[in-house]
Amino acid sequence: MLTLAWAWILLLLPLPLIFRKKQQDVEISGHLHLPGIAQDGKQEMEQSPSSRKTYWVIWILLVIAVARPLWMGDPIELPSKGRDLMVAVDLSGSMQIEDMVLDGKAVNRFIMVQSVVSDFIERRKGDKLGLILFADHAYLQAPLTQDRRSVAQFLKEAQIGLVGKQTAIGEAIALSVKRFDLVDESNRILVLLTDGSNNSGSISPEQAADIAAKRGIKIYSIGVGADVMERRTLFGKERVNPSMDLDEEQLTSLAQTTGGRYFRARNAQELEQIYQEIDKLEPISRDQVSYRPQSELFYLPLAAALIVSILIALAQLPLMRRLNIRWGEK
């Protein structure tokens, strides 16, 4: 369906008639006098009925463009059932350890998380998603929304060290509690991804988890990082545990306190296990919501007005050339 966003702009259509009438009144009263212009030149410059119609066409096209014509698509009903999930992602300095493998290549932990969580976000049709990034402190990057594309874009644009180098797990949980308090009826699920232990923030993870449990929020904690990693030394290669700072006991306790579950993500395949677990959760019913996609069409009348203006300018070139010649002869 074709519609106008600012239909009231059409009230400006008769505006040229008002100015034309005022101009005619001035000419009749004799106040308008242009010395040095020959009478025949004046007559030649007078607009013919066809040219006046053309100028009217340009004016109408411009007014329509300013009124913002829109094409409204058919109503699309959004899913009436879904889950509310906050995803909290660790951006501390240790997330750049390259102990993960993605598509056969060695990558750091954050790149693997970005890839797998982006896929996770894409699968969450009908769910509302929010994004929290945390390091020295926790920050809300995206509130709960069904706009999965925006949430995925925010995660894609995040960078290690963006909000510090430490790990404020307690603040990430507390911030999710605060956001869920704005929702009346919800599954209230927090997916927490980290590769370390809490060493920053103004609230401990245990305190935040207790509050989350009282508010009906389930924490699905995920410990990211490989168990074994080879590194070069002066004496050759040695095998080390790159996840020695990961506090699995704490992450397990946080999940159990809230009725959730702890996952160990040593690789992308293990991280994907959370899909199956969350899919088992019973979705809540929502009020039926629909929207109509719309497309801007202002550029069509604007382009038409520009084309007509160019054609008029090209058509008047011989006329202007003749007037210049006559003016030079005199």
C-alpha atoms as a PDB file:
ATOM      1  CA  MET A   1       0.000   0.000   0.000  1.00  0.00           C
ATOM      2  CA  LEU A   2       1.270   3.446  -0.954  1.00  0.00           C
ATOM      3  CA  THR A   3       1.094   6.132   1.724  1.00  0.00           C
ATOM      4  CA  LEU A   4       2.678   9.431   2.767  1.00  0.00           C
ATOM      5  CA  ALA A   5       4.557   9.790   6.062  1.00  0.00           C
ATOM      6  CA  TRP A   6       3.979  13.562   6.185  1.00  0.00           C
ATOM      7  CA  ALA A   7       0.769  14.034   4.213  1.00  0.00           C
ATOM      8  CA  TRP A   8       0.272  17.538   5.639  1.00  0.00           C
ATOM      9  CA  ILE A   9       3.145  18.734   3.441  1.00  0.00           C
ATOM     10  CA  LEU A  10       0.688  18.613   0.514  1.00  0.00           C
ATOM     11  CA  LEU A  11      -0.853  21.798   1.932  1.00  0.00           C
ATOM     12  CA  LEU A  12       2.142  23.602   0.374  1.00  0.00           C
ATOM     13  CA  LEU A  13       1.026  22.735  -3.166  1.00  0.00           C
ATOM     14  CA  PRO A  14      -0.871  26.043  -3.818  1.00  0.00           C
ATOM     15  CA  LEU A  15       2.055  28.114  -2.525  1.00  0.00           C
ATOM     16  CA  PRO A  16       3.261  29.201  -6.030  1.00  0.00           C
ATOM     17  CA  LEU A  17      -0.207  30.625  -6.799  1.00  0.00           C
ATOM     18  CA  ILE A  18       0.065  32.940  -3.798  1.00  0.00           C
ATOM     19  CA  PHE A  19       3.487  34.257  -4.853  1.00  0.00           C
ATOM     20  CA  ARG A  20       2.357  34.594  -8.492  1.00  0.00           C
ATOM     21  CA  LYS A  21      -0.639  36.679  -7.472  1.00  0.00           C
ATOM     22  CA  LYS A  22       1.557  38.975  -5.364  1.00  0.00           C
ATOM     23  CA  GLN A  23       3.965  39.366  -8.290  1.00  0.00           C
ATOM     24  CA  GLN A  24       1.122  40.290 -10.662  1.00  0.00           C
ATOM     25  CA  ASP A  25      -0.169  42.876  -8.197  1.00  0.00           C
ATOM     26  CA  VAL A  26       3.260  44.483  -8.050  1.00  0.00           C
ATOM     27  CA  GLU A  27       3.565  44.572 -11.854  1.00  0.00           C
ATOM     28  CA  ILE A  28       0.097  46.097 -12.292  1.00  0.00           C
ATOM     29  CA  SER A  29       0.786  48.827  -9.738  1.00  0.00           C
ATOM     30  CA  GLY A  30       3.897  49.814 -11.727  1.00  0.00           C
ATOM     31  CA  HIS A  31       6.364  49.186  -8.926  1.00  0.00           C
ATOM     32  CA  LEU A  32       8.271  46.594 -10.937  1.00  0.00           C
ATOM     33  CA  HIS A  33      10.453  48.199 -13.630  1.00  0.00           C
ATOM     34  CA  LEU A  34      13.476  46.594 -15.240  1.00  0.00           C
ATOM     35  CA  PRO A  35      15.280  49.239 -17.298  1.00  0.00           C
ATOM     36  CA  GLY A  36      17.427  48.224 -20.269  1.00  0.00           C
ATOM     37  CA  ILE A  37      15.456  45.131 -21.233  1.00  0.00           C
ATOM     38  CA  ALA A  38      13.808  45.296 -24.642  1.00  0.00           C
ATOM     39  CA  GLN A  39      10.062  44.673 -24.831  1.00  0.00           C
ATOM     40  CA  ASP A  40      10.408  41.878 -27.390  1.00  0.00           C
ATOM     41  CA  GLY A  41      12.920  40.118 -25.172  1.00  0.00           C
ATOM     42  CA  LYS A  42      10.476  40.369 -22.315  1.00  0.00           C
ATOM     43  CA  GLN A  43       7.743  38.853 -24.394  1.00  0.00           C
ATOM     44  CA  GLU A  44      10.024  36.044 -25.487  1.00  0.00           C
ATOM     45  CA  MET A  45      10.908  35.295 -21.882  1.00  0.00           C
ATOM     46  CA  GLU A  46       7.270  35.115 -20.800  1.00  0.00           C
ATOM     47  CA  GLN A  47       6.217  31.605 -19.949  1.00  0.00           C
ATOM     48  CA  SER A  48       3.937  29.793 -22.300  1.00  0.00           C
ATOM     49  CA  PRO A  49       1.041  27.721 -20.892  1.00  0.00           C
ATOM     50  CA  SER A  50       2.979  24.517 -21.582  1.00  0.00           C
ATOM     51  CA  SER A  51       6.061  25.716 -19.697  1.00  0.00           C
ATOM     52  CA  ARG A  52       3.923  26.806 -16.754  1.00  0.00           C
ATOM     53  CA  LYS A  53       2.444  23.309 -16.633  1.00  0.00           C
ATOM     54  CA  THR A  54       5.957  21.860 -16.643  1.00  0.00           C
ATOM     55  CA  TYR A  55       7.020  24.020 -13.692  1.00  0.00           C
ATOM     56  CA  TRP A  56       3.896  22.934 -11.871  1.00  0.00           C
ATOM     57  CA  VAL A  57       4.840  19.304 -12.472  1.00  0.00           C
ATOM     58  CA  ILE A  58       8.293  19.929 -10.959  1.00  0.00           C
ATOM     59  CA  TRP A  59       6.797  21.665  -7.950  1.00  0.00           C
ATOM     60  CA  ILE A  60       4.276  18.877  -7.326  1.00  0.00           C
ATOM     61  CA  LEU A  61       7.014  16.216  -7.592  1.00  0.00           C
ATOM     62  CA  LEU A  62       9.212  18.068  -5.081  1.00  0.00           C
ATOM     63  CA  VAL A  63       6.375  18.479  -2.591  1.00  0.00           C
ATOM     64  CA  ILE A  64       5.509  14.779  -2.880  1.00  0.00           C
ATOM     65  CA  ALA A  65       9.169  13.858  -2.299  1.00  0.00           C
ATOM     66  CA  VAL A  66       9.282  15.987   0.873  1.00  0.00           C
ATOM     67  CA  ALA A  67       6.049  14.312   2.069  1.00  0.00           C
ATOM     68  CA  ARG A  68       7.998  11.004   2.139  1.00  0.00           C
ATOM     69  CA  PRO A  69       6.038   8.470   0.104  1.00  0.00           C
ATOM     70  CA  LEU A  70       6.259   4.989   1.603  1.00  0.00           C
ATOM     71  CA  TRP A  71       5.352   1.541   0.369  1.00  0.00           C
ATOM     72  CA  MET A  72       3.816  -0.440   3.217  1.00  0.00           C
ATOM     73  CA  GLY A  73       4.147  -4.205   2.914  1.00  0.00           C
ATOM     74  CA  ASP A  74       1.711  -6.810   4.178  1.00  0.00           C
ATOM     75  CA  PRO A  75       1.504  -7.207   7.982  1.00  0.00           C
ATOM     76  CA  ILE A  76       3.985  -9.730   9.407  1.00  0.00           C
ATOM     77  CA  GLU A  77       3.140 -11.411  12.687  1.00  0.00           C
ATOM     78  CA  LEU A  78       6.017 -11.925  15.091  1.00  0.00           C
ATOM     79  CA  PRO A  79       6.239 -15.210  17.006  1.00  0.00           C
ATOM     80  CA  SER A  80       3.924 -15.172  20.032  1.00  0.00           C
ATOM     81  CA  LYS A  81       6.150 -17.545  22.023  1.00  0.00           C
ATOM     82  CA  GLY A  82       9.795 -17.217  22.930  1.00  0.00           C
ATOM     83  CA  ARG A  83      12.433 -16.829  25.598  1.00  0.00           C
ATOM     84  CA  ASP A  84      14.248 -13.835  27.072  1.00  0.00           C
ATOM     85  CA  LEU A  85      18.023 -14.317  27.089  1.00  0.00           C
ATOM     86  CA  MET A  86      20.839 -12.033  28.141  1.00  0.00           C
ATOM     87  CA  VAL A  87      24.225 -13.025  26.716  1.00  0.00           C
ATOM     88  CA  ALA A  88      27.238 -11.826  28.727  1.00  0.00           C
ATOM     89  CA  VAL A  89      30.594 -12.073  26.924  1.00  0.00           C
ATOM     90  CA  ASP A  90      34.020 -11.737  28.566  1.00  0.00           C
ATOM     91  CA  LEU A  91      36.305  -9.170  26.858  1.00  0.00           C
ATOM     92  CA  SER A  92      39.251  -9.501  29.253  1.00  0.00           C
ATOM     93  CA  GLY A  93      42.832  -9.699  28.000  1.00  0.00           C
ATOM     94  CA  SER A  94      43.067 -13.478  28.322  1.00  0.00           C
ATOM     95  CA  MET A  95      40.417 -13.900  25.621  1.00  0.00           C
ATOM     96  CA  GLN A  96      43.129 -13.283  23.032  1.00  0.00           C
ATOM     97  CA  ILE A  97      44.958 -16.536  23.858  1.00  0.00           C
ATOM     98  CA  GLU A  98      45.093 -18.572  20.643  1.00  0.00           C
ATOM     99  CA  ASP A  99      44.132 -22.025  21.879  1.00  0.00           C
ATOM    100  CA  MET A 100      40.974 -22.496  19.788  1.00  0.00           C
ATOM    101  CA  VAL A 101      40.521 -24.012  16.332  1.00  0.00           C
ATOM    102  CA  LEU A 102      37.938 -22.685  13.885  1.00  0.00           C
ATOM    103  CA  ASP A 103      37.590 -24.059  10.351  1.00  0.00           C
ATOM    104  CA  GLY A 104      40.971 -25.743  10.714  1.00  0.00           C
ATOM    105  CA  LYS A 105      42.790 -22.567  11.768  1.00  0.00           C
ATOM    106  CA  ALA A 106      44.149 -21.553  15.154  1.00  0.00           C
ATOM    107  CA  VAL A 107      42.238 -18.531  16.499  1.00  0.00           C
ATOM    108  CA  ASN A 108      41.938 -16.783  19.823  1.00  0.00           C
ATOM    109  CA  ARG A 109      39.108 -17.472  22.215  1.00  0.00           C
ATOM    110  CA  PHE A 110      37.136 -14.353  21.412  1.00  0.00           C
ATOM    111  CA  ILE A 111      37.057 -15.010  17.659  1.00  0.00           C
ATOM    112  CA  MET A 112      35.703 -18.484  18.368  1.00  0.00           C
ATOM    113  CA  VAL A 113      33.086 -17.060  20.745  1.00  0.00           C
ATOM    114  CA  GLN A 114      32.092 -14.420  18.173  1.00  0.00           C
ATOM    115  CA  SER A 115      31.610 -17.069  15.499  1.00  0.00           C
ATOM    116  CA  VAL A 116      29.658 -19.588  17.566  1.00  0.00           C
ATOM    117  CA  VAL A 117      27.551 -17.053  19.493  1.00  0.00           C
ATOM    118  CA  SER A 118      26.655 -15.249  16.263  1.00  0.00           C
ATOM    119  CA  ASP A 119      25.288 -18.536  14.981  1.00  0.00           C
ATOM    120  CA  PHE A 120      23.526 -19.016  18.314  1.00  0.00           C
ATOM    121  CA  ILE A 121      21.901 -15.581  17.959  1.00  0.00           C
ATOM    122  CA  GLU A 122      20.759 -16.334  14.427  1.00  0.00           C
ATOM    123  CA  ARG A 123      18.923 -19.459  15.614  1.00  0.00           C
ATOM    124  CA  ARG A 124      16.984 -17.646  18.318  1.00  0.00           C
ATOM    125  CA  LYS A 125      13.869 -16.916  16.243  1.00  0.00           C
ATOM    126  CA  GLY A 126      11.057 -15.789  18.529  1.00  0.00           C
ATOM    127  CA  ASP A 127      13.415 -15.104  21.439  1.00  0.00           C
ATOM    128  CA  LYS A 128      14.370 -11.724  22.824  1.00  0.00           C
ATOM    129  CA  LEU A 129      18.113 -11.218  23.164  1.00  0.00           C
ATOM    130  CA  GLY A 130      20.276  -8.768  25.049  1.00  0.00           C
ATOM    131  CA  LEU A 131      24.057  -8.360  25.066  1.00  0.00           C
ATOM    132  CA  ILE A 132      26.364  -7.524  27.978  1.00  0.00           C
ATOM    133  CA  LEU A 133      30.123  -7.030  27.553  1.00  0.00           C
ATOM    134  CA  PHE A 134      32.323  -7.178  30.633  1.00  0.00           C
ATOM    135  CA  ALA A 135      35.958  -6.892  31.670  1.00  0.00           C
ATOM    136  CA  ASP A 136      36.940  -4.377  34.389  1.00  0.00           C
ATOM    137  CA  HIS A 137      33.205  -3.557  34.575  1.00  0.00           C
ATOM    138  CA  ALA A 138      30.033  -4.765  32.872  1.00  0.00           C
ATOM    139  CA  TYR A 139      28.263  -2.700  30.216  1.00  0.00           C
ATOM    140  CA  LEU A 140      24.927  -3.157  28.492  1.00  0.00           C
ATOM    141  CA  GLN A 141      25.558  -3.257  24.757  1.00  0.00           C
ATOM    142  CA  ALA A 142      22.021  -4.178  23.645  1.00  0.00           C
ATOM    143  CA  PRO A 143      18.790  -4.381  25.697  1.00  0.00           C
ATOM    144  CA  LEU A 144      16.352  -7.250  25.245  1.00  0.00           C
ATOM    145  CA  THR A 145      15.137  -7.125  21.664  1.00  0.00           C
ATOM    146  CA  GLN A 146      13.924  -9.360  18.842  1.00  0.00           C
ATOM    147  CA  ASP A 147      16.258  -7.561  16.451  1.00  0.00           C
ATOM    148  CA  ARG A 148      18.784 -10.388  16.237  1.00  0.00           C
ATOM    149  CA  ARG A 149      20.697  -8.686  13.434  1.00  0.00           C
ATOM    150  CA  SER A 150      21.564  -5.677  15.611  1.00  0.00           C
ATOM    151  CA  VAL A 151      22.670  -7.858  18.532  1.00  0.00           C
ATOM    152  CA  ALA A 152      24.910  -9.891  16.219  1.00  0.00           C
ATOM    153  CA  GLN A 153      26.369  -6.680  14.777  1.00  0.00           C
ATOM    154  CA  PHE A 154      27.168  -5.321  18.253  1.00  0.00           C
ATOM    155  CA  LEU A 155      28.995  -8.547  19.080  1.00  0.00           C
ATOM    156  CA  LYS A 156      30.879  -8.406  15.782  1.00  0.00           C
ATOM    157  CA  GLU A 157      32.063  -4.852  16.506  1.00  0.00           C
ATOM    158  CA  ALA A 158      33.277  -5.686  20.041  1.00  0.00           C
ATOM    159  CA  GLN A 159      37.020  -5.861  20.645  1.00  0.00           C
ATOM    160  CA  ILE A 160      39.205  -7.387  23.341  1.00  0.00           C
ATOM    161  CA  GLY A 161      40.241  -4.751  25.863  1.00  0.00           C
ATOM    162  CA  LEU A 162      37.358  -2.483  24.891  1.00  0.00           C
ATOM    163  CA  VAL A 163      36.152  -2.287  28.518  1.00  0.00           C
ATOM    164  CA  GLY A 164      39.373  -3.248  30.314  1.00  0.00           C
ATOM    165  CA  LYS A 165      41.536  -6.334  30.877  1.00  0.00           C
ATOM    166  CA  GLN A 166      40.175  -7.885  34.080  1.00  0.00           C
ATOM    167  CA  THR A 167      37.026  -9.962  34.713  1.00  0.00           C
ATOM    168  CA  ALA A 168      33.948  -8.611  36.525  1.00  0.00           C
ATOM    169  CA  ILE A 169      31.681 -11.673  36.510  1.00  0.00           C
ATOM    170  CA  GLY A 170      29.629 -10.437  39.471  1.00  0.00           C
ATOM    171  CA  GLU A 171      28.831  -7.151  37.745  1.00  0.00           C
ATOM    172  CA  ALA A 172      27.760  -8.965  34.573  1.00  0.00           C
ATOM    173  CA  ILE A 173      25.276 -11.053  36.578  1.00  0.00           C
ATOM    174  CA  ALA A 174      24.028  -8.030  38.542  1.00  0.00           C
ATOM    175  CA  LEU A 175      23.507  -6.020  35.351  1.00  0.00           C
ATOM    176  CA  SER A 176      21.456  -8.833  33.829  1.00  0.00           C
ATOM    177  CA  VAL A 177      19.326  -8.926  36.982  1.00  0.00           C
ATOM    178  CA  LYS A 178      18.693  -5.209  36.609  1.00  0.00           C
ATOM    179  CA  ARG A 179      17.617  -5.602  32.989  1.00  0.00           C
ATOM    180  CA  PHE A 180      15.332  -8.553  33.731  1.00  0.00           C
ATOM    181  CA  ASP A 181      13.616  -6.501  36.439  1.00  0.00           C
ATOM    182  CA  LEU A 182      12.130  -4.462  33.584  1.00  0.00           C
ATOM    183  CA  VAL A 183      10.382  -7.563  32.200  1.00  0.00           C
ATOM    184  CA  ASP A 184       7.141  -8.764  33.808  1.00  0.00           C
ATOM    185  CA  GLU A 185       6.909 -12.305  32.457  1.00  0.00           C
ATOM    186  CA  SER A 186      10.004 -14.026  31.151  1.00  0.00           C
ATOM    187  CA  ASN A 187      12.123 -17.172  31.147  1.00  0.00           C
ATOM    188  CA  ARG A 188      14.955 -14.982  32.478  1.00  0.00           C
ATOM    189  CA  ILE A 189      18.035 -16.785  31.194  1.00  0.00           C
ATOM    190  CA  LEU A 190      21.613 -15.513  31.408  1.00  0.00           C
ATOM    191  CA  VAL A 191      24.233 -17.124  29.155  1.00  0.00           C
ATOM    192  CA  LEU A 192      27.589 -16.224  30.717  1.00  0.00           C
ATOM    193  CA  LEU A 193      30.790 -16.837  28.727  1.00  0.00           C
ATOM    194  CA  THR A 194      34.169 -16.343  30.411  1.00  0.00           C
ATOM    195  CA  ASP A 195      37.671 -17.819  30.433  1.00  0.00           C
ATOM    196  CA  GLY A 196      38.794 -16.698  33.878  1.00  0.00           C
ATOM    197  CA  SER A 197      37.728 -15.988  37.436  1.00  0.00           C
ATOM    198  CA  ASN A 198      36.225 -12.912  39.018  1.00  0.00           C
ATOM    199  CA  ASN A 199      38.943 -10.373  39.881  1.00  0.00           C
ATOM    200  CA  SER A 200      37.175  -7.060  39.407  1.00  0.00           C
ATOM    201  CA  GLY A 201      33.867  -5.295  40.011  1.00  0.00           C
ATOM    202  CA  SER A 202      31.877  -3.972  42.958  1.00  0.00           C
ATOM    203  CA  ILE A 203      29.880  -7.159  43.679  1.00  0.00           C
ATOM    204  CA  SER A 204      30.954 -10.776  44.054  1.00  0.00           C
ATOM    205  CA  PRO A 205      29.573 -13.449  41.712  1.00  0.00           C
ATOM    206  CA  GLU A 206      28.081 -15.340  44.679  1.00  0.00           C
ATOM    207  CA  GLN A 207      26.146 -12.296  45.888  1.00  0.00           C
ATOM    208  CA  ALA A 208      24.909 -11.564  42.373  1.00  0.00           C
ATOM    209  CA  ALA A 209      23.913 -15.221  41.838  1.00  0.00           C
ATOM    210  CA  ASP A 210      21.894 -15.238  45.069  1.00  0.00           C
ATOM    211  CA  ILE A 211      19.984 -12.175  43.886  1.00  0.00           C
ATOM    212  CA  ALA A 212      19.490 -13.733  40.464  1.00  0.00           C
ATOM    213  CA  ALA A 213      18.094 -16.916  42.039  1.00  0.00           C
ATOM    214  CA  LYS A 214      15.574 -14.902  44.059  1.00  0.00           C
ATOM    215  CA  ARG A 215      14.455 -13.122  40.868  1.00  0.00           C
ATOM    216  CA  GLY A 216      13.988 -16.400  38.983  1.00  0.00           C
ATOM    217  CA  ILE A 217      16.996 -15.946  36.667  1.00  0.00           C
ATOM    218  CA  LYS A 218      18.818 -19.076  35.485  1.00  0.00           C
ATOM    219  CA  ILE A 219      22.516 -18.831  34.714  1.00  0.00           C
ATOM    220  CA  TYR A 220      24.018 -21.015  31.992  1.00  0.00           C
ATOM    221  CA  SER A 221      27.733 -20.469  32.558  1.00  0.00           C
ATOM    222  CA  ILE A 222      30.321 -21.440  29.958  1.00  0.00           C
ATOM    223  CA  GLY A 223      34.034 -21.821  30.656  1.00  0.00           C
ATOM    224  CA  VAL A 224      36.005 -21.082  27.495  1.00  0.00           C
ATOM    225  CA  GLY A 225      39.521 -22.367  26.853  1.00  0.00           C
ATOM    226  CA  ALA A 226      41.474 -25.463  25.884  1.00  0.00           C
ATOM    227  CA  ASP A 227      42.978 -27.872  28.419  1.00  0.00           C
ATOM    228  CA  VAL A 228      46.272 -28.317  26.556  1.00  0.00           C
ATOM    229  CA  MET A 229      48.272 -25.972  24.370  1.00  0.00           C
ATOM    230  CA  GLU A 230      51.716 -26.306  22.872  1.00  0.00           C
ATOM    231  CA  ARG A 231      54.124 -23.378  22.951  1.00  0.00           C
ATOM    232  CA  ARG A 232      57.676 -22.896  21.749  1.00  0.00           C
ATOM    233  CA  THR A 233      60.518 -22.387  24.210  1.00  0.00           C
ATOM    234  CA  LEU A 234      64.313 -22.250  23.959  1.00  0.00           C
ATOM    235  CA  PHE A 235      64.351 -25.984  24.659  1.00  0.00           C
ATOM    236  CA  GLY A 236      61.681 -26.902  22.118  1.00  0.00           C
ATOM    237  CA  LYS A 237      57.934 -27.334  22.501  1.00  0.00           C
ATOM    238  CA  GLU A 238      56.184 -27.798  25.813  1.00  0.00           C
ATOM    239  CA  ARG A 239      52.577 -28.540  26.695  1.00  0.00           C
ATOM    240  CA  VAL A 240      50.842 -26.143  29.062  1.00  0.00           C
ATOM    241  CA  ASN A 241      47.356 -25.645  30.434  1.00  0.00           C
ATOM    242  CA  PRO A 242      46.136 -22.277  29.064  1.00  0.00           C
ATOM    243  CA  SER A 243      42.977 -22.457  31.201  1.00  0.00           C
ATOM    244  CA  MET A 244      44.655 -22.625  34.603  1.00  0.00           C
ATOM    245  CA  ASP A 245      42.964 -19.320  35.584  1.00  0.00           C
ATOM    246  CA  LEU A 246      39.483 -20.635  34.758  1.00  0.00           C
ATOM    247  CA  ASP A 247      37.503 -21.091  37.975  1.00  0.00           C
ATOM    248  CA  GLU A 248      35.244 -23.989  36.974  1.00  0.00           C
ATOM    249  CA  GLU A 249      34.177 -24.597  40.547  1.00  0.00           C
ATOM    250  CA  GLN A 250      32.826 -21.071  40.842  1.00  0.00           C
ATOM    251  CA  LEU A 251      31.065 -21.168  37.464  1.00  0.00           C
ATOM    252  CA  THR A 252      29.458 -24.502  38.364  1.00  0.00           C
ATOM    253  CA  SER A 253      28.293 -23.097  41.693  1.00  0.00           C
ATOM    254  CA  LEU A 254      26.793 -20.017  40.043  1.00  0.00           C
ATOM    255  CA  ALA A 255      24.814 -22.190  37.628  1.00  0.00           C
ATOM    256  CA  GLN A 256      23.607 -24.595  40.344  1.00  0.00           C
ATOM    257  CA  THR A 257      22.550 -21.737  42.639  1.00  0.00           C
ATOM    258  CA  THR A 258      20.162 -20.445  39.984  1.00  0.00           C
ATOM    259  CA  GLY A 259      18.974 -23.802  38.631  1.00  0.00           C
ATOM    260  CA  GLY A 260      21.039 -23.540  35.468  1.00  0.00           C
ATOM    261  CA  ARG A 261      23.938 -25.543  34.129  1.00  0.00           C
ATOM    262  CA  TYR A 262      27.687 -25.221  33.583  1.00  0.00           C
ATOM    263  CA  PHE A 263      29.277 -26.001  30.217  1.00  0.00           C
ATOM    264  CA  ARG A 264      32.939 -26.490  29.398  1.00  0.00           C
ATOM    265  CA  ALA A 265      33.844 -25.144  25.965  1.00  0.00           C
ATOM    266  CA  ARG A 266      37.239 -26.514  24.960  1.00  0.00           C
ATOM    267  CA  ASN A 267      36.269 -26.106  21.323  1.00  0.00           C
ATOM    268  CA  ALA A 268      33.474 -24.827  19.111  1.00  0.00           C
ATOM    269  CA  GLN A 269      31.636 -28.165  19.188  1.00  0.00           C
ATOM    270  CA  GLU A 270      31.342 -28.169  22.971  1.00  0.00           C
ATOM    271  CA  LEU A 271      30.166 -24.573  22.974  1.00  0.00           C
ATOM    272  CA  GLU A 272      27.298 -25.480  20.657  1.00  0.00           C
ATOM    273  CA  GLN A 273      25.867 -27.880  23.258  1.00  0.00           C
ATOM    274  CA  ILE A 274      24.090 -24.969  24.879  1.00  0.00           C
ATOM    275  CA  TYR A 275      21.772 -24.805  21.855  1.00  0.00           C
ATOM    276  CA  GLN A 276      20.149 -28.113  22.709  1.00  0.00           C
ATOM    277  CA  GLU A 277      19.820 -27.249  26.389  1.00  0.00           C
ATOM    278  CA  ILE A 278      18.119 -23.898  25.795  1.00  0.00           C
ATOM    279  CA  ASP A 279      15.841 -25.379  23.125  1.00  0.00           C
ATOM    280  CA  LYS A 280      14.471 -27.722  25.784  1.00  0.00           C
ATOM    281  CA  LEU A 281      13.227 -24.785  27.846  1.00  0.00           C
ATOM    282  CA  GLU A 282       9.501 -24.127  27.608  1.00  0.00           C
ATOM    283  CA  PRO A 283       8.928 -20.835  25.789  1.00  0.00           C
ATOM    284  CA  ILE A 284       6.587 -18.289  27.349  1.00  0.00           C
ATOM    285  CA  SER A 285       3.511 -16.905  25.619  1.00  0.00           C
ATOM    286  CA  ARG A 286       3.589 -13.284  24.480  1.00  0.00           C
ATOM    287  CA  ASP A 287       0.981 -10.898  23.196  1.00  0.00           C
ATOM    288  CA  GLN A 288       0.624 -11.199  19.436  1.00  0.00           C
ATOM    289  CA  VAL A 289       2.642  -8.427  17.778  1.00  0.00           C
ATOM    290  CA  SER A 290       2.739  -7.603  14.094  1.00  0.00           C
ATOM    291  CA  TYR A 291       4.508  -5.009  12.000  1.00  0.00           C
ATOM    292  CA  ARG A 292       4.402  -3.813   8.404  1.00  0.00           C
ATOM    293  CA  PRO A 293       7.719  -3.481   6.575  1.00  0.00           C
ATOM    294  CA  GLN A 294       8.076  -0.163   4.783  1.00  0.00           C
ATOM    295  CA  SER A 295      10.278   1.137   1.986  1.00  0.00           C
ATOM    296  CA  GLU A 296      11.177   4.767   1.348  1.00  0.00           C
ATOM    297  CA  LEU A 297      10.173   5.999  -2.140  1.00  0.00           C
ATOM    298  CA  PHE A 298      10.987   9.720  -1.884  1.00  0.00           C
ATOM    299  CA  TYR A 299      13.851   9.331  -4.339  1.00  0.00           C
ATOM    300  CA  LEU A 300      11.448   8.488  -7.198  1.00  0.00           C
ATOM    301  CA  PRO A 301       9.586  11.856  -7.396  1.00  0.00           C
ATOM    302  CA  LEU A 302      12.852  13.622  -6.542  1.00  0.00           C
ATOM    303  CA  ALA A 303      14.636  11.952  -9.459  1.00  0.00           C
ATOM    304  CA  ALA A 304      11.683  12.703 -11.772  1.00  0.00           C
ATOM    305  CA  ALA A 305      11.787  16.398 -10.793  1.00  0.00           C
ATOM    306  CA  LEU A 306      15.527  16.508 -11.471  1.00  0.00           C
ATOM    307  CA  ILE A 307      15.122  14.902 -14.907  1.00  0.00           C
ATOM    308  CA  VAL A 308      12.344  17.315 -15.906  1.00  0.00           C
ATOM    309  CA  SER A 309      14.446  20.283 -14.727  1.00  0.00           C
ATOM    310  CA  ILE A 310      17.412  19.132 -16.815  1.00  0.00           C
ATOM    311  CA  LEU A 311      15.205  18.720 -19.894  1.00  0.00           C
ATOM    312  CA  ILE A 312      13.803  22.240 -19.462  1.00  0.00           C
ATOM    313  CA  ALA A 313      17.306  23.667 -19.090  1.00  0.00           C
ATOM    314  CA  LEU A 314      18.450  21.929 -22.270  1.00  0.00           C
ATOM    315  CA  ALA A 315      15.356  23.102 -24.162  1.00  0.00           C
ATOM    316  CA  GLN A 316      15.956  26.734 -23.181  1.00  0.00           C
ATOM    317  CA  LEU A 317      19.575  26.822 -24.353  1.00  0.00           C
ATOM    318  CA  PRO A 318      18.695  27.969 -27.952  1.00  0.00           C
ATOM    319  CA  LEU A 319      16.347  30.611 -26.555  1.00  0.00           C
ATOM    320  CA  MET A 320      19.013  32.037 -24.250  1.00  0.00           C
ATOM    321  CA  ARG A 321      21.536  31.976 -27.099  1.00  0.00           C
ATOM    322  CA  ARG A 322      19.184  34.037 -29.300  1.00  0.00           C
ATOM    323  CA  LEU A 323      18.567  36.546 -26.531  1.00  0.00           C
ATOM    324  CA  ASN A 324      22.330  37.025 -25.991  1.00  0.00           C
ATOM    325  CA  ILE A 325      22.844  37.643 -29.724  1.00  0.00           C
ATOM    326  CA  ARG A 326      20.073  40.231 -29.832  1.00  0.00           C
ATOM    327  CA  TRP A 327      21.417  41.957 -26.738  1.00  0.00           C
ATOM    328  CA  GLY A 328      24.888  42.148 -28.369  1.00  0.00           C
ATOM    329  CA  GLU A 329      23.469  43.692 -31.576  1.00  0.00           C
ATOM    330  CA  LYS A 330      21.833  46.437 -29.607  1.00  0.00           C
END
